[in-house]
Amino acid sequence: NTDLELSTVHGVIKIDGINGAHDISSVNGGIEAYNVSGSMVANTVNGDIVISFQSINKNPMSFVTLNGDVDVTFPTSAKLTTKMKSDRGEIYSDFDMSIEKGMQQIRKDKGEYEVSINSWVFGKINGGGSEHTFKNMNGDIIVRKGK
């Protein structure tokens, strides 16, 4: 039972079996966390994020990488709201999710229109809960159902 704040450059961070609030970042290396509980903010550039939760709390979480996959496993009973975006990859989930695609926004100012398309995908797992952000530019996002 401890909170972790870890960072590295040119290496993989691996943790196993820790309960707490985790803030982990890496440059040119991945993040691997197995059998963890609590909450996590994981950020990396040029590396995969692979997380397997035993249990989660109600805190918001974030999993972001520039080049790599985001692969997170949650307990089957987890209640969360997802905000997901993969610019050049696919989004997969084992959970039944109610999905909403980001809407286009139109703004009129002095006779000119500005149209922007929000490419985020929003989903609710088990009715929804705290917001969990999943984002990458090059790679897939996988939200798995654990035990």
N, C-alpha and C. Protein backbone atom coordinates (compact mmCIF):
# COMPACT_ATOMS: atom_id res chain seq x y z
N ASN A 1 0.85 -1.18 0.00
CA ASN A 1 0.00 0.00 0.00
C ASN A 1 0.88 1.23 0.00
N THR A 2 1.05 1.81 -1.19
CA THR A 2 1.86 3.02 -1.30
C THR A 2 1.52 3.75 -2.59
N ASP A 3 1.69 5.04 -2.61
CA ASP A 3 1.52 5.82 -3.83
C ASP A 3 2.88 5.89 -4.53
N LEU A 4 2.85 5.78 -5.86
CA LEU A 4 4.09 5.80 -6.62
C LEU A 4 4.11 6.98 -7.57
N GLU A 5 5.28 7.63 -7.67
CA GLU A 5 5.54 8.62 -8.69
C GLU A 5 6.87 8.23 -9.32
N LEU A 6 6.80 7.65 -10.52
CA LEU A 6 7.98 7.10 -11.18
C LEU A 6 8.14 7.70 -12.56
N SER A 7 9.38 7.91 -12.98
CA SER A 7 9.64 8.37 -14.34
C SER A 7 11.02 7.87 -14.77
N THR A 8 11.16 7.72 -16.09
CA THR A 8 12.44 7.29 -16.65
C THR A 8 12.58 7.80 -18.07
N VAL A 9 13.82 7.82 -18.55
CA VAL A 9 14.12 8.09 -19.94
C VAL A 9 14.92 6.89 -20.44
N HIS A 10 14.54 6.33 -21.56
CA HIS A 10 15.20 5.17 -22.17
C HIS A 10 15.12 3.93 -21.30
N GLY A 11 13.91 3.56 -20.91
CA GLY A 11 13.74 2.33 -20.16
C GLY A 11 12.28 2.02 -19.94
N VAL A 12 12.01 0.78 -19.58
CA VAL A 12 10.65 0.33 -19.29
C VAL A 12 10.44 0.37 -17.79
N ILE A 13 9.30 0.87 -17.36
CA ILE A 13 8.95 0.85 -15.94
C ILE A 13 7.99 -0.32 -15.73
N LYS A 14 8.31 -1.19 -14.77
CA LYS A 14 7.46 -2.34 -14.45
C LYS A 14 7.14 -2.33 -12.97
N ILE A 15 5.84 -2.47 -12.65
CA ILE A 15 5.44 -2.62 -11.26
C ILE A 15 4.46 -3.78 -11.16
N ASP A 16 4.38 -4.37 -9.98
CA ASP A 16 3.50 -5.52 -9.79
C ASP A 16 2.98 -5.52 -8.35
N GLY A 17 1.65 -5.63 -8.22
CA GLY A 17 1.04 -5.84 -6.92
C GLY A 17 1.01 -4.64 -5.99
N ILE A 18 1.00 -3.42 -6.51
CA ILE A 18 1.02 -2.23 -5.67
C ILE A 18 -0.39 -1.61 -5.61
N ASN A 19 -0.82 -1.22 -4.41
CA ASN A 19 -2.11 -0.57 -4.20
C ASN A 19 -1.85 0.89 -3.85
N GLY A 20 -2.46 1.82 -4.63
CA GLY A 20 -2.29 3.23 -4.33
C GLY A 20 -2.59 4.10 -5.53
N ALA A 21 -2.20 5.35 -5.43
CA ALA A 21 -2.32 6.30 -6.54
C ALA A 21 -0.98 6.33 -7.25
N HIS A 22 -0.98 6.03 -8.54
CA HIS A 22 0.26 5.88 -9.29
C HIS A 22 0.34 6.94 -10.38
N ASP A 23 1.47 7.63 -10.46
CA ASP A 23 1.74 8.62 -11.49
C ASP A 23 3.05 8.18 -12.14
N ILE A 24 2.94 7.65 -13.38
CA ILE A 24 4.10 7.03 -14.02
C ILE A 24 4.32 7.64 -15.40
N SER A 25 5.57 7.99 -15.71
CA SER A 25 5.88 8.53 -17.03
C SER A 25 7.20 7.97 -17.53
N SER A 26 7.27 7.85 -18.86
CA SER A 26 8.47 7.29 -19.48
C SER A 26 8.66 7.93 -20.85
N VAL A 27 9.91 8.13 -21.23
CA VAL A 27 10.26 8.58 -22.57
C VAL A 27 11.13 7.50 -23.19
N ASN A 28 10.77 7.05 -24.38
CA ASN A 28 11.48 5.97 -25.08
C ASN A 28 11.49 4.68 -24.28
N GLY A 29 10.34 4.34 -23.73
CA GLY A 29 10.17 3.09 -23.02
C GLY A 29 8.73 2.94 -22.60
N GLY A 30 8.33 1.73 -22.36
CA GLY A 30 6.95 1.45 -22.02
C GLY A 30 6.69 1.48 -20.52
N ILE A 31 5.41 1.27 -20.20
CA ILE A 31 4.97 1.17 -18.81
C ILE A 31 4.19 -0.11 -18.68
N GLU A 32 4.57 -0.95 -17.72
CA GLU A 32 3.88 -2.20 -17.44
C GLU A 32 3.53 -2.25 -15.97
N ALA A 33 2.25 -2.48 -15.68
CA ALA A 33 1.80 -2.56 -14.29
C ALA A 33 0.82 -3.72 -14.19
N TYR A 34 1.13 -4.68 -13.33
CA TYR A 34 0.32 -5.88 -13.20
C TYR A 34 -0.21 -6.01 -11.78
N ASN A 35 -1.45 -6.50 -11.66
CA ASN A 35 -2.07 -6.75 -10.36
C ASN A 35 -2.07 -5.51 -9.47
N VAL A 36 -2.31 -4.35 -10.06
CA VAL A 36 -2.32 -3.11 -9.29
C VAL A 36 -3.75 -2.76 -8.88
N SER A 37 -3.86 -1.94 -7.86
CA SER A 37 -5.15 -1.46 -7.37
C SER A 37 -5.05 0.03 -7.12
N GLY A 38 -6.21 0.70 -7.17
CA GLY A 38 -6.23 2.13 -6.90
C GLY A 38 -6.49 2.92 -8.16
N SER A 39 -5.60 3.87 -8.46
CA SER A 39 -5.76 4.71 -9.64
C SER A 39 -4.40 4.92 -10.30
N MET A 40 -4.44 5.38 -11.57
CA MET A 40 -3.18 5.55 -12.29
C MET A 40 -3.29 6.66 -13.32
N VAL A 41 -2.19 7.40 -13.44
CA VAL A 41 -1.96 8.31 -14.55
C VAL A 41 -0.68 7.81 -15.20
N ALA A 42 -0.77 7.35 -16.45
CA ALA A 42 0.38 6.78 -17.15
C ALA A 42 0.59 7.52 -18.46
N ASN A 43 1.80 8.05 -18.66
CA ASN A 43 2.14 8.79 -19.88
C ASN A 43 3.48 8.30 -20.39
N THR A 44 3.55 8.05 -21.70
CA THR A 44 4.82 7.68 -22.29
C THR A 44 4.91 8.19 -23.72
N VAL A 45 6.13 8.36 -24.18
CA VAL A 45 6.41 8.66 -25.57
C VAL A 45 7.23 7.50 -26.09
N ASN A 46 6.81 6.92 -27.20
CA ASN A 46 7.52 5.79 -27.81
C ASN A 46 7.55 4.57 -26.91
N GLY A 47 6.39 4.13 -26.49
CA GLY A 47 6.30 2.90 -25.70
C GLY A 47 4.86 2.51 -25.47
N ASP A 48 4.66 1.23 -25.23
CA ASP A 48 3.32 0.72 -24.92
C ASP A 48 2.99 0.95 -23.45
N ILE A 49 1.69 1.05 -23.18
CA ILE A 49 1.20 1.09 -21.81
C ILE A 49 0.36 -0.17 -21.62
N VAL A 50 0.76 -1.02 -20.69
CA VAL A 50 0.04 -2.26 -20.39
C VAL A 50 -0.24 -2.29 -18.89
N ILE A 51 -1.52 -2.20 -18.53
CA ILE A 51 -1.92 -2.12 -17.13
C ILE A 51 -2.97 -3.20 -16.86
N SER A 52 -2.85 -3.87 -15.73
CA SER A 52 -3.84 -4.86 -15.31
C SER A 52 -4.25 -4.55 -13.87
N PHE A 53 -5.51 -4.12 -13.71
CA PHE A 53 -6.01 -3.74 -12.39
C PHE A 53 -6.71 -4.92 -11.70
N GLN A 54 -6.43 -5.07 -10.41
CA GLN A 54 -7.18 -5.99 -9.56
C GLN A 54 -8.46 -5.32 -9.08
N SER A 55 -8.33 -4.04 -8.71
CA SER A 55 -9.48 -3.23 -8.29
C SER A 55 -9.14 -1.77 -8.57
N ILE A 56 -10.20 -0.95 -8.70
CA ILE A 56 -9.99 0.47 -8.94
C ILE A 56 -10.82 1.26 -7.93
N ASN A 57 -10.42 2.52 -7.75
CA ASN A 57 -11.22 3.40 -6.90
C ASN A 57 -12.01 4.36 -7.80
N LYS A 58 -12.60 5.38 -7.25
CA LYS A 58 -13.46 6.28 -8.02
C LYS A 58 -12.72 7.47 -8.62
N ASN A 59 -11.40 7.48 -8.54
CA ASN A 59 -10.63 8.60 -9.09
C ASN A 59 -10.54 8.52 -10.61
N PRO A 60 -10.53 9.66 -11.29
CA PRO A 60 -10.31 9.66 -12.74
C PRO A 60 -8.90 9.13 -13.06
N MET A 61 -8.75 8.53 -14.23
CA MET A 61 -7.45 8.00 -14.64
C MET A 61 -7.15 8.43 -16.06
N SER A 62 -5.86 8.35 -16.43
CA SER A 62 -5.43 8.75 -17.76
C SER A 62 -4.32 7.83 -18.23
N PHE A 63 -4.42 7.40 -19.51
CA PHE A 63 -3.43 6.52 -20.13
C PHE A 63 -3.11 7.11 -21.51
N VAL A 64 -1.94 7.72 -21.67
CA VAL A 64 -1.62 8.46 -22.88
C VAL A 64 -0.23 8.07 -23.37
N THR A 65 -0.13 7.77 -24.68
CA THR A 65 1.16 7.53 -25.31
C THR A 65 1.15 8.15 -26.70
N LEU A 66 2.31 8.55 -27.17
CA LEU A 66 2.40 9.11 -28.51
C LEU A 66 2.51 7.98 -29.54
N ASN A 67 3.45 7.09 -29.38
CA ASN A 67 3.68 5.98 -30.30
C ASN A 67 3.67 4.68 -29.51
N GLY A 68 2.55 3.99 -29.51
CA GLY A 68 2.44 2.72 -28.80
C GLY A 68 1.00 2.38 -28.54
N ASP A 69 0.78 1.16 -28.10
CA ASP A 69 -0.56 0.71 -27.75
C ASP A 69 -0.88 1.06 -26.31
N VAL A 70 -2.16 1.26 -26.03
CA VAL A 70 -2.66 1.41 -24.67
C VAL A 70 -3.54 0.20 -24.42
N ASP A 71 -3.13 -0.67 -23.50
CA ASP A 71 -3.81 -1.94 -23.24
C ASP A 71 -4.08 -2.02 -21.73
N VAL A 72 -5.35 -1.80 -21.33
CA VAL A 72 -5.68 -1.73 -19.91
C VAL A 72 -6.78 -2.75 -19.60
N THR A 73 -6.55 -3.52 -18.54
CA THR A 73 -7.52 -4.52 -18.08
C THR A 73 -8.12 -4.06 -16.77
N PHE A 74 -9.47 -4.03 -16.73
CA PHE A 74 -10.22 -3.63 -15.54
C PHE A 74 -11.02 -4.83 -15.03
N PRO A 75 -11.36 -4.84 -13.73
CA PRO A 75 -12.24 -5.88 -13.21
C PRO A 75 -13.61 -5.82 -13.92
N THR A 76 -14.29 -6.95 -14.02
CA THR A 76 -15.57 -6.99 -14.74
C THR A 76 -16.61 -6.07 -14.12
N SER A 77 -16.51 -5.80 -12.83
CA SER A 77 -17.50 -4.96 -12.15
C SER A 77 -17.17 -3.47 -12.21
N ALA A 78 -16.09 -3.08 -12.88
CA ALA A 78 -15.66 -1.68 -12.91
C ALA A 78 -16.73 -0.80 -13.54
N LYS A 79 -16.99 0.35 -12.90
CA LYS A 79 -17.92 1.34 -13.42
C LYS A 79 -17.11 2.56 -13.81
N LEU A 80 -17.06 2.82 -15.12
CA LEU A 80 -16.29 3.96 -15.57
C LEU A 80 -16.84 4.54 -16.86
N THR A 81 -16.51 5.80 -17.07
CA THR A 81 -16.84 6.50 -18.30
C THR A 81 -15.53 6.68 -19.05
N THR A 82 -15.51 6.27 -20.32
CA THR A 82 -14.28 6.34 -21.09
C THR A 82 -14.33 7.51 -22.07
N LYS A 83 -13.16 8.09 -22.26
CA LYS A 83 -12.95 9.14 -23.27
C LYS A 83 -11.73 8.66 -24.06
N MET A 84 -11.94 8.25 -25.33
CA MET A 84 -10.89 7.56 -26.07
C MET A 84 -10.63 8.24 -27.42
N LYS A 85 -9.34 8.28 -27.78
CA LYS A 85 -8.97 8.83 -29.08
C LYS A 85 -7.67 8.18 -29.55
N SER A 86 -7.72 7.59 -30.74
CA SER A 86 -6.53 7.04 -31.38
C SER A 86 -6.47 7.63 -32.78
N ASP A 87 -5.49 8.47 -33.05
CA ASP A 87 -5.42 9.15 -34.33
C ASP A 87 -5.13 8.20 -35.49
N ARG A 88 -4.25 7.24 -35.28
CA ARG A 88 -3.87 6.30 -36.34
C ARG A 88 -3.88 4.87 -35.81
N GLY A 89 -5.00 4.48 -35.21
CA GLY A 89 -5.12 3.14 -34.67
C GLY A 89 -6.58 2.80 -34.45
N GLU A 90 -6.80 1.65 -33.89
CA GLU A 90 -8.15 1.16 -33.63
C GLU A 90 -8.44 1.17 -32.14
N ILE A 91 -9.73 1.11 -31.79
CA ILE A 91 -10.17 1.04 -30.41
C ILE A 91 -10.96 -0.25 -30.24
N TYR A 92 -10.56 -1.07 -29.25
CA TYR A 92 -11.21 -2.36 -28.98
C TYR A 92 -11.61 -2.43 -27.51
N SER A 93 -12.68 -3.21 -27.23
CA SER A 93 -13.08 -3.44 -25.84
C SER A 93 -13.79 -4.77 -25.69
N ASP A 94 -13.53 -5.46 -24.57
CA ASP A 94 -14.25 -6.68 -24.20
C ASP A 94 -15.56 -6.33 -23.50
N PHE A 95 -15.68 -5.12 -22.99
CA PHE A 95 -16.86 -4.70 -22.25
C PHE A 95 -17.98 -4.31 -23.21
N ASP A 96 -19.22 -4.51 -22.76
CA ASP A 96 -20.35 -3.92 -23.45
C ASP A 96 -20.36 -2.45 -23.06
N MET A 97 -20.30 -1.58 -24.03
CA MET A 97 -20.26 -0.14 -23.77
C MET A 97 -21.38 0.55 -24.50
N SER A 98 -21.94 1.55 -23.86
CA SER A 98 -22.80 2.47 -24.59
C SER A 98 -21.87 3.54 -25.15
N ILE A 99 -21.83 3.65 -26.48
CA ILE A 99 -20.84 4.49 -27.15
C ILE A 99 -21.49 5.74 -27.72
N GLU A 100 -20.80 6.85 -27.57
CA GLU A 100 -21.19 8.11 -28.21
C GLU A 100 -19.98 8.65 -28.94
N LYS A 101 -20.14 8.99 -30.18
CA LYS A 101 -19.08 9.60 -30.96
C LYS A 101 -19.11 11.09 -30.71
N GLY A 102 -17.95 11.71 -30.69
CA GLY A 102 -17.88 13.16 -30.52
C GLY A 102 -18.68 13.87 -31.60
N MET A 103 -19.29 14.93 -31.24
CA MET A 103 -20.16 15.66 -32.15
C MET A 103 -19.40 16.79 -32.84
N GLN A 104 -19.91 17.19 -34.01
CA GLN A 104 -19.33 18.35 -34.65
C GLN A 104 -19.85 19.60 -33.96
N GLN A 105 -19.04 20.60 -33.96
CA GLN A 105 -19.42 21.86 -33.34
C GLN A 105 -19.38 22.95 -34.39
N ILE A 106 -20.43 23.71 -34.46
CA ILE A 106 -20.51 24.80 -35.43
C ILE A 106 -20.65 26.11 -34.66
N ARG A 107 -19.78 27.05 -34.98
CA ARG A 107 -19.81 28.34 -34.32
C ARG A 107 -19.89 29.43 -35.38
N LYS A 108 -20.82 30.33 -35.21
CA LYS A 108 -20.99 31.43 -36.16
C LYS A 108 -20.51 32.71 -35.49
N ASP A 109 -19.67 33.44 -36.21
CA ASP A 109 -19.14 34.69 -35.69
C ASP A 109 -19.02 35.68 -36.84
N LYS A 110 -19.76 36.76 -36.78
CA LYS A 110 -19.72 37.83 -37.79
C LYS A 110 -19.94 37.29 -39.20
N GLY A 111 -20.93 36.40 -39.35
CA GLY A 111 -21.27 35.87 -40.66
C GLY A 111 -20.38 34.75 -41.15
N GLU A 112 -19.37 34.36 -40.37
CA GLU A 112 -18.49 33.26 -40.76
C GLU A 112 -18.77 32.07 -39.87
N TYR A 113 -18.65 30.88 -40.44
CA TYR A 113 -18.88 29.64 -39.71
C TYR A 113 -17.56 28.92 -39.46
N GLU A 114 -17.42 28.44 -38.27
CA GLU A 114 -16.27 27.60 -37.93
C GLU A 114 -16.82 26.24 -37.54
N VAL A 115 -16.39 25.21 -38.27
CA VAL A 115 -16.86 23.85 -38.01
C VAL A 115 -15.68 23.03 -37.51
N SER A 116 -15.85 22.39 -36.36
CA SER A 116 -14.82 21.50 -35.84
C SER A 116 -15.46 20.16 -35.51
N ILE A 117 -14.73 19.10 -35.80
CA ILE A 117 -15.24 17.76 -35.54
C ILE A 117 -14.45 17.17 -34.39
N ASN A 118 -15.15 16.81 -33.35
CA ASN A 118 -14.54 16.21 -32.17
C ASN A 118 -14.39 14.72 -32.44
N SER A 119 -13.17 14.23 -32.50
CA SER A 119 -12.95 12.83 -32.85
C SER A 119 -12.80 11.92 -31.63
N TRP A 120 -13.19 12.38 -30.47
CA TRP A 120 -13.17 11.55 -29.27
C TRP A 120 -14.35 10.59 -29.30
N VAL A 121 -14.15 9.41 -28.74
CA VAL A 121 -15.22 8.43 -28.57
C VAL A 121 -15.47 8.31 -27.07
N PHE A 122 -16.73 8.47 -26.68
CA PHE A 122 -17.11 8.40 -25.28
C PHE A 122 -17.90 7.12 -25.04
N GLY A 123 -17.64 6.43 -23.93
CA GLY A 123 -18.37 5.21 -23.63
C GLY A 123 -18.60 5.06 -22.14
N LYS A 124 -19.61 4.29 -21.81
CA LYS A 124 -19.90 3.99 -20.41
C LYS A 124 -19.86 2.49 -20.21
N ILE A 125 -19.12 2.10 -19.18
CA ILE A 125 -19.01 0.69 -18.81
C ILE A 125 -19.76 0.49 -17.50
N ASN A 126 -20.65 -0.48 -17.48
CA ASN A 126 -21.46 -0.79 -16.29
C ASN A 126 -22.18 0.44 -15.75
N GLY A 127 -22.73 1.25 -16.65
CA GLY A 127 -23.49 2.42 -16.24
C GLY A 127 -22.68 3.69 -16.10
N GLY A 128 -21.38 3.60 -16.18
CA GLY A 128 -20.53 4.78 -16.09
C GLY A 128 -20.05 5.07 -14.69
N GLY A 129 -19.07 5.92 -14.61
CA GLY A 129 -18.46 6.31 -13.34
C GLY A 129 -17.48 7.43 -13.61
N SER A 130 -16.35 7.42 -12.91
CA SER A 130 -15.36 8.47 -13.11
C SER A 130 -14.77 8.38 -14.52
N GLU A 131 -14.29 9.51 -15.02
CA GLU A 131 -13.79 9.55 -16.39
C GLU A 131 -12.38 8.98 -16.48
N HIS A 132 -12.19 8.11 -17.47
CA HIS A 132 -10.90 7.51 -17.76
C HIS A 132 -10.53 7.88 -19.20
N THR A 133 -9.40 8.54 -19.38
CA THR A 133 -8.96 8.99 -20.69
C THR A 133 -7.94 8.03 -21.27
N PHE A 134 -8.14 7.64 -22.53
CA PHE A 134 -7.24 6.77 -23.26
C PHE A 134 -6.90 7.50 -24.56
N LYS A 135 -5.60 7.77 -24.80
CA LYS A 135 -5.24 8.53 -25.99
C LYS A 135 -3.89 8.08 -26.52
N ASN A 136 -3.81 7.96 -27.84
CA ASN A 136 -2.53 7.77 -28.50
C ASN A 136 -2.60 8.30 -29.91
N MET A 137 -1.45 8.46 -30.53
CA MET A 137 -1.43 8.93 -31.91
C MET A 137 -1.22 7.76 -32.86
N ASN A 138 -0.24 6.92 -32.60
CA ASN A 138 0.09 5.77 -33.44
C ASN A 138 0.02 4.50 -32.61
N GLY A 139 -1.08 3.79 -32.72
CA GLY A 139 -1.24 2.54 -31.96
C GLY A 139 -2.69 2.30 -31.65
N ASP A 140 -2.97 1.16 -31.06
CA ASP A 140 -4.33 0.78 -30.73
C ASP A 140 -4.63 1.05 -29.26
N ILE A 141 -5.92 1.15 -28.96
CA ILE A 141 -6.41 1.23 -27.59
C ILE A 141 -7.24 -0.01 -27.34
N ILE A 142 -6.89 -0.73 -26.28
CA ILE A 142 -7.60 -1.96 -25.92
C ILE A 142 -8.04 -1.86 -24.47
N VAL A 143 -9.35 -1.97 -24.25
CA VAL A 143 -9.91 -1.96 -22.89
C VAL A 143 -10.43 -3.36 -22.64
N ARG A 144 -9.75 -4.10 -21.74
CA ARG A 144 -10.05 -5.50 -21.52
C ARG A 144 -10.86 -5.72 -20.24
N LYS A 145 -11.61 -6.81 -20.26
CA LYS A 145 -12.37 -7.24 -19.10
C LYS A 145 -11.55 -8.31 -18.38
N GLY A 146 -11.23 -8.04 -17.12
CA GLY A 146 -10.46 -9.00 -16.33
C GLY A 146 -11.37 -9.96 -15.61
N LYS A 147 -10.91 -10.39 -14.46
CA LYS A 147 -11.67 -11.38 -13.67
C LYS A 147 -12.58 -10.71 -12.68
